[in-house]
Amino acid sequence: MSSKNLKELSEQELKQRLKKIKSGKIIDAGLVGLTIGVVAYSAVANGFSFFTFFPLIITYAIVKNAKNNAILEKEIEREIQSRQSAQ
């Protein structure tokens, strides 16, 4: 989302998006923990193979998305701060 789109949103919509991002962090952390648990269990139960490390690909995608969300979160917070300072 570009900063142009953020400027078009109301302050209430920005706060809602910020809340969604913050709750998404909890879900992302749970999924990362789950996939690491699956890898650990698979390694203990079946040894090491391609399918042991396959969940780590999913973990990589989750972490990459979380980094993008962190950038978006900072942009939203800056936009909210700039609106509050302008008032």
N, C-alpha and C. Protein backbone atom coordinates (compact mmCIF):
# COMPACT_ATOMS: atom_id res chain seq x y z
N MET A 1 0.86 -1.16 0.00
CA MET A 1 0.00 0.00 0.00
C MET A 1 0.90 1.22 0.00
N SER A 2 0.65 2.11 -0.90
CA SER A 2 1.47 3.31 -0.99
C SER A 2 0.97 4.36 -0.01
N SER A 3 1.82 5.34 0.22
CA SER A 3 1.43 6.40 1.15
C SER A 3 0.27 7.22 0.59
N LYS A 4 0.13 7.23 -0.73
CA LYS A 4 -1.00 7.94 -1.34
C LYS A 4 -2.32 7.29 -0.88
N ASN A 5 -2.35 5.98 -0.88
CA ASN A 5 -3.56 5.28 -0.44
C ASN A 5 -3.81 5.51 1.05
N LEU A 6 -2.76 5.60 1.82
CA LEU A 6 -2.93 5.84 3.25
C LEU A 6 -3.51 7.21 3.51
N LYS A 7 -3.15 8.18 2.70
CA LYS A 7 -3.66 9.53 2.89
C LYS A 7 -5.14 9.63 2.55
N GLU A 8 -5.63 8.72 1.73
CA GLU A 8 -7.03 8.74 1.35
C GLU A 8 -7.92 8.12 2.43
N LEU A 9 -7.34 7.32 3.31
CA LEU A 9 -8.12 6.66 4.35
C LEU A 9 -8.38 7.60 5.52
N SER A 10 -9.50 7.36 6.20
CA SER A 10 -9.79 8.15 7.39
C SER A 10 -8.94 7.65 8.55
N GLU A 11 -8.91 8.43 9.61
CA GLU A 11 -8.10 8.03 10.77
C GLU A 11 -8.65 6.76 11.40
N GLN A 12 -9.95 6.60 11.40
CA GLN A 12 -10.57 5.39 11.94
C GLN A 12 -10.16 4.16 11.12
N GLU A 13 -10.16 4.29 9.79
CA GLU A 13 -9.75 3.17 8.94
C GLU A 13 -8.28 2.82 9.14
N LEU A 14 -7.45 3.83 9.35
CA LEU A 14 -6.03 3.59 9.61
C LEU A 14 -5.85 2.82 10.92
N LYS A 15 -6.60 3.20 11.93
CA LYS A 15 -6.50 2.51 13.22
C LYS A 15 -6.98 1.06 13.11
N GLN A 16 -8.01 0.83 12.29
CA GLN A 16 -8.50 -0.53 12.08
C GLN A 16 -7.44 -1.38 11.39
N ARG A 17 -6.78 -0.82 10.39
CA ARG A 17 -5.73 -1.56 9.69
C ARG A 17 -4.57 -1.84 10.62
N LEU A 18 -4.24 -0.89 11.47
CA LEU A 18 -3.16 -1.08 12.43
C LEU A 18 -3.51 -2.20 13.41
N LYS A 19 -4.77 -2.25 13.82
CA LYS A 19 -5.23 -3.29 14.73
C LYS A 19 -5.16 -4.67 14.05
N LYS A 20 -5.53 -4.73 12.77
CA LYS A 20 -5.46 -6.00 12.03
C LYS A 20 -4.02 -6.48 11.90
N ILE A 21 -3.11 -5.56 11.66
CA ILE A 21 -1.70 -5.93 11.53
C ILE A 21 -1.18 -6.46 12.84
N LYS A 22 -1.54 -5.80 13.94
CA LYS A 22 -1.06 -6.24 15.25
C LYS A 22 -1.64 -7.59 15.63
N SER A 23 -2.90 -7.85 15.31
CA SER A 23 -3.46 -9.17 15.61
C SER A 23 -2.89 -10.23 14.67
N GLY A 24 -2.51 -9.81 13.47
CA GLY A 24 -1.87 -10.73 12.52
C GLY A 24 -0.51 -11.19 13.00
N LYS A 25 0.15 -10.35 13.80
CA LYS A 25 1.45 -10.74 14.35
C LYS A 25 1.32 -11.97 15.25
N ILE A 26 0.25 -12.02 16.02
CA ILE A 26 0.03 -13.16 16.92
C ILE A 26 -0.22 -14.43 16.10
N ILE A 27 -1.01 -14.30 15.06
CA ILE A 27 -1.29 -15.45 14.20
C ILE A 27 -0.01 -15.92 13.51
N ASP A 28 0.79 -14.98 13.01
CA ASP A 28 2.06 -15.33 12.36
C ASP A 28 2.99 -16.05 13.32
N ALA A 29 3.08 -15.57 14.54
CA ALA A 29 3.94 -16.20 15.54
C ALA A 29 3.47 -17.62 15.84
N GLY A 30 2.18 -17.81 15.93
CA GLY A 30 1.64 -19.15 16.16
C GLY A 30 1.93 -20.10 15.02
N LEU A 31 1.79 -19.60 13.79
CA LEU A 31 2.07 -20.44 12.62
C LEU A 31 3.55 -20.80 12.52
N VAL A 32 4.42 -19.84 12.83
CA VAL A 32 5.85 -20.12 12.80
C VAL A 32 6.18 -21.18 13.85
N GLY A 33 5.64 -21.04 15.04
CA GLY A 33 5.86 -22.03 16.09
C GLY A 33 5.34 -23.40 15.70
N LEU A 34 4.18 -23.42 15.07
CA LEU A 34 3.60 -24.69 14.62
C LEU A 34 4.48 -25.36 13.58
N THR A 35 4.94 -24.62 12.59
CA THR A 35 5.77 -25.22 11.54
C THR A 35 7.11 -25.69 12.09
N ILE A 36 7.68 -24.95 13.02
CA ILE A 36 8.94 -25.39 13.62
C ILE A 36 8.70 -26.65 14.46
N GLY A 37 7.56 -26.71 15.12
CA GLY A 37 7.21 -27.93 15.86
C GLY A 37 7.03 -29.12 14.94
N VAL A 38 6.42 -28.91 13.78
CA VAL A 38 6.25 -29.99 12.81
C VAL A 38 7.61 -30.48 12.32
N VAL A 39 8.52 -29.55 12.06
CA VAL A 39 9.87 -29.92 11.61
C VAL A 39 10.57 -30.74 12.70
N ALA A 40 10.49 -30.30 13.94
CA ALA A 40 11.15 -31.01 15.03
C ALA A 40 10.55 -32.41 15.20
N TYR A 41 9.24 -32.51 15.19
CA TYR A 41 8.60 -33.81 15.34
C TYR A 41 8.96 -34.73 14.18
N SER A 42 8.92 -34.20 12.98
CA SER A 42 9.24 -35.00 11.80
C SER A 42 10.68 -35.49 11.82
N ALA A 43 11.59 -34.63 12.28
CA ALA A 43 12.99 -35.02 12.35
C ALA A 43 13.19 -36.13 13.38
N VAL A 44 12.50 -36.05 14.51
CA VAL A 44 12.65 -37.07 15.55
C VAL A 44 11.97 -38.37 15.11
N ALA A 45 10.78 -38.28 14.55
CA ALA A 45 10.01 -39.47 14.21
C ALA A 45 10.51 -40.17 12.95
N ASN A 46 10.87 -39.39 11.92
CA ASN A 46 11.18 -39.99 10.62
C ASN A 46 12.60 -39.74 10.13
N GLY A 47 13.38 -38.99 10.86
CA GLY A 47 14.71 -38.64 10.37
C GLY A 47 14.63 -37.45 9.44
N PHE A 48 15.75 -37.12 8.85
CA PHE A 48 15.82 -35.95 7.97
C PHE A 48 15.57 -36.34 6.52
N SER A 49 14.66 -35.61 5.88
CA SER A 49 14.36 -35.79 4.46
C SER A 49 13.85 -34.45 3.93
N PHE A 50 13.48 -34.45 2.67
CA PHE A 50 12.94 -33.22 2.07
C PHE A 50 11.68 -32.77 2.80
N PHE A 51 10.83 -33.72 3.13
CA PHE A 51 9.56 -33.37 3.77
C PHE A 51 9.73 -32.92 5.21
N THR A 52 10.89 -33.19 5.78
CA THR A 52 11.17 -32.67 7.11
C THR A 52 11.35 -31.15 7.05
N PHE A 53 12.01 -30.69 6.01
CA PHE A 53 12.31 -29.27 5.89
C PHE A 53 11.29 -28.50 5.07
N PHE A 54 10.32 -29.17 4.47
CA PHE A 54 9.31 -28.50 3.67
C PHE A 54 8.52 -27.44 4.44
N PRO A 55 8.13 -27.69 5.70
CA PRO A 55 7.42 -26.65 6.46
C PRO A 55 8.25 -25.37 6.66
N LEU A 56 9.57 -25.48 6.57
CA LEU A 56 10.40 -24.28 6.71
C LEU A 56 10.20 -23.32 5.54
N ILE A 57 9.78 -23.84 4.39
CA ILE A 57 9.46 -22.97 3.25
C ILE A 57 8.24 -22.12 3.60
N ILE A 58 7.28 -22.73 4.25
CA ILE A 58 6.09 -21.99 4.69
C ILE A 58 6.49 -20.95 5.73
N THR A 59 7.39 -21.33 6.62
CA THR A 59 7.87 -20.40 7.64
C THR A 59 8.54 -19.21 7.01
N TYR A 60 9.35 -19.44 5.97
CA TYR A 60 10.02 -18.35 5.27
C TYR A 60 8.99 -17.37 4.69
N ALA A 61 7.94 -17.90 4.07
CA ALA A 61 6.90 -17.04 3.50
C ALA A 61 6.20 -16.22 4.58
N ILE A 62 5.96 -16.82 5.72
CA ILE A 62 5.29 -16.11 6.82
C ILE A 62 6.18 -14.99 7.34
N VAL A 63 7.47 -15.28 7.51
CA VAL A 63 8.40 -14.27 8.03
C VAL A 63 8.56 -13.13 7.03
N LYS A 64 8.63 -13.46 5.74
CA LYS A 64 8.74 -12.42 4.71
C LYS A 64 7.51 -11.52 4.72
N ASN A 65 6.33 -12.09 4.85
CA ASN A 65 5.11 -11.31 4.92
C ASN A 65 5.07 -10.46 6.18
N ALA A 66 5.59 -10.99 7.27
CA ALA A 66 5.62 -10.24 8.53
C ALA A 66 6.52 -9.01 8.39
N LYS A 67 7.62 -9.13 7.67
CA LYS A 67 8.50 -7.97 7.45
C LYS A 67 7.78 -6.89 6.64
N ASN A 68 7.03 -7.32 5.62
CA ASN A 68 6.26 -6.35 4.84
C ASN A 68 5.19 -5.68 5.70
N ASN A 69 4.56 -6.45 6.57
CA ASN A 69 3.56 -5.88 7.47
C ASN A 69 4.18 -4.91 8.46
N ALA A 70 5.41 -5.17 8.89
CA ALA A 70 6.09 -4.26 9.81
C ALA A 70 6.36 -2.92 9.14
N ILE A 71 6.73 -2.95 7.88
CA ILE A 71 6.95 -1.71 7.13
C ILE A 71 5.64 -0.95 6.99
N LEU A 72 4.57 -1.67 6.64
CA LEU A 72 3.26 -1.03 6.50
C LEU A 72 2.79 -0.46 7.83
N GLU A 73 3.05 -1.17 8.91
CA GLU A 73 2.67 -0.69 10.24
C GLU A 73 3.37 0.64 10.57
N LYS A 74 4.64 0.74 10.25
CA LYS A 74 5.38 1.98 10.49
C LYS A 74 4.82 3.12 9.65
N GLU A 75 4.47 2.85 8.40
CA GLU A 75 3.89 3.88 7.54
C GLU A 75 2.55 4.36 8.09
N ILE A 76 1.73 3.44 8.56
CA ILE A 76 0.43 3.81 9.12
C ILE A 76 0.62 4.65 10.38
N GLU A 77 1.55 4.23 11.24
CA GLU A 77 1.80 4.99 12.46
C GLU A 77 2.31 6.39 12.14
N ARG A 78 3.17 6.52 11.13
CA ARG A 78 3.65 7.85 10.73
C ARG A 78 2.51 8.71 10.21
N GLU A 79 1.61 8.10 9.45
CA GLU A 79 0.48 8.86 8.92
C GLU A 79 -0.43 9.34 10.04
N ILE A 80 -0.68 8.47 11.01
CA ILE A 80 -1.52 8.87 12.15
C ILE A 80 -0.84 9.98 12.93
N GLN A 81 0.47 9.87 13.17
CA GLN A 81 1.22 10.91 13.89
C GLN A 81 1.18 12.23 13.14
N SER A 82 1.34 12.17 11.82
CA SER A 82 1.32 13.43 11.05
C SER A 82 -0.05 14.08 11.09
N ARG A 83 -1.11 13.29 11.11
CA ARG A 83 -2.45 13.86 11.21
C ARG A 83 -2.70 14.46 12.59
N GLN A 84 -2.19 13.83 13.62
CA GLN A 84 -2.39 14.33 14.97
C GLN A 84 -1.58 15.61 15.21
N SER A 85 -0.40 15.70 14.63
CA SER A 85 0.41 16.90 14.80
C SER A 85 -0.13 18.07 13.98
N ALA A 86 -0.88 17.78 12.91
CA ALA A 86 -1.44 18.83 12.08
C ALA A 86 -2.67 19.48 12.74
N GLN A 87 -3.24 18.79 13.69
CA GLN A 87 -4.47 19.31 14.32
C GLN A 87 -4.17 20.33 15.35
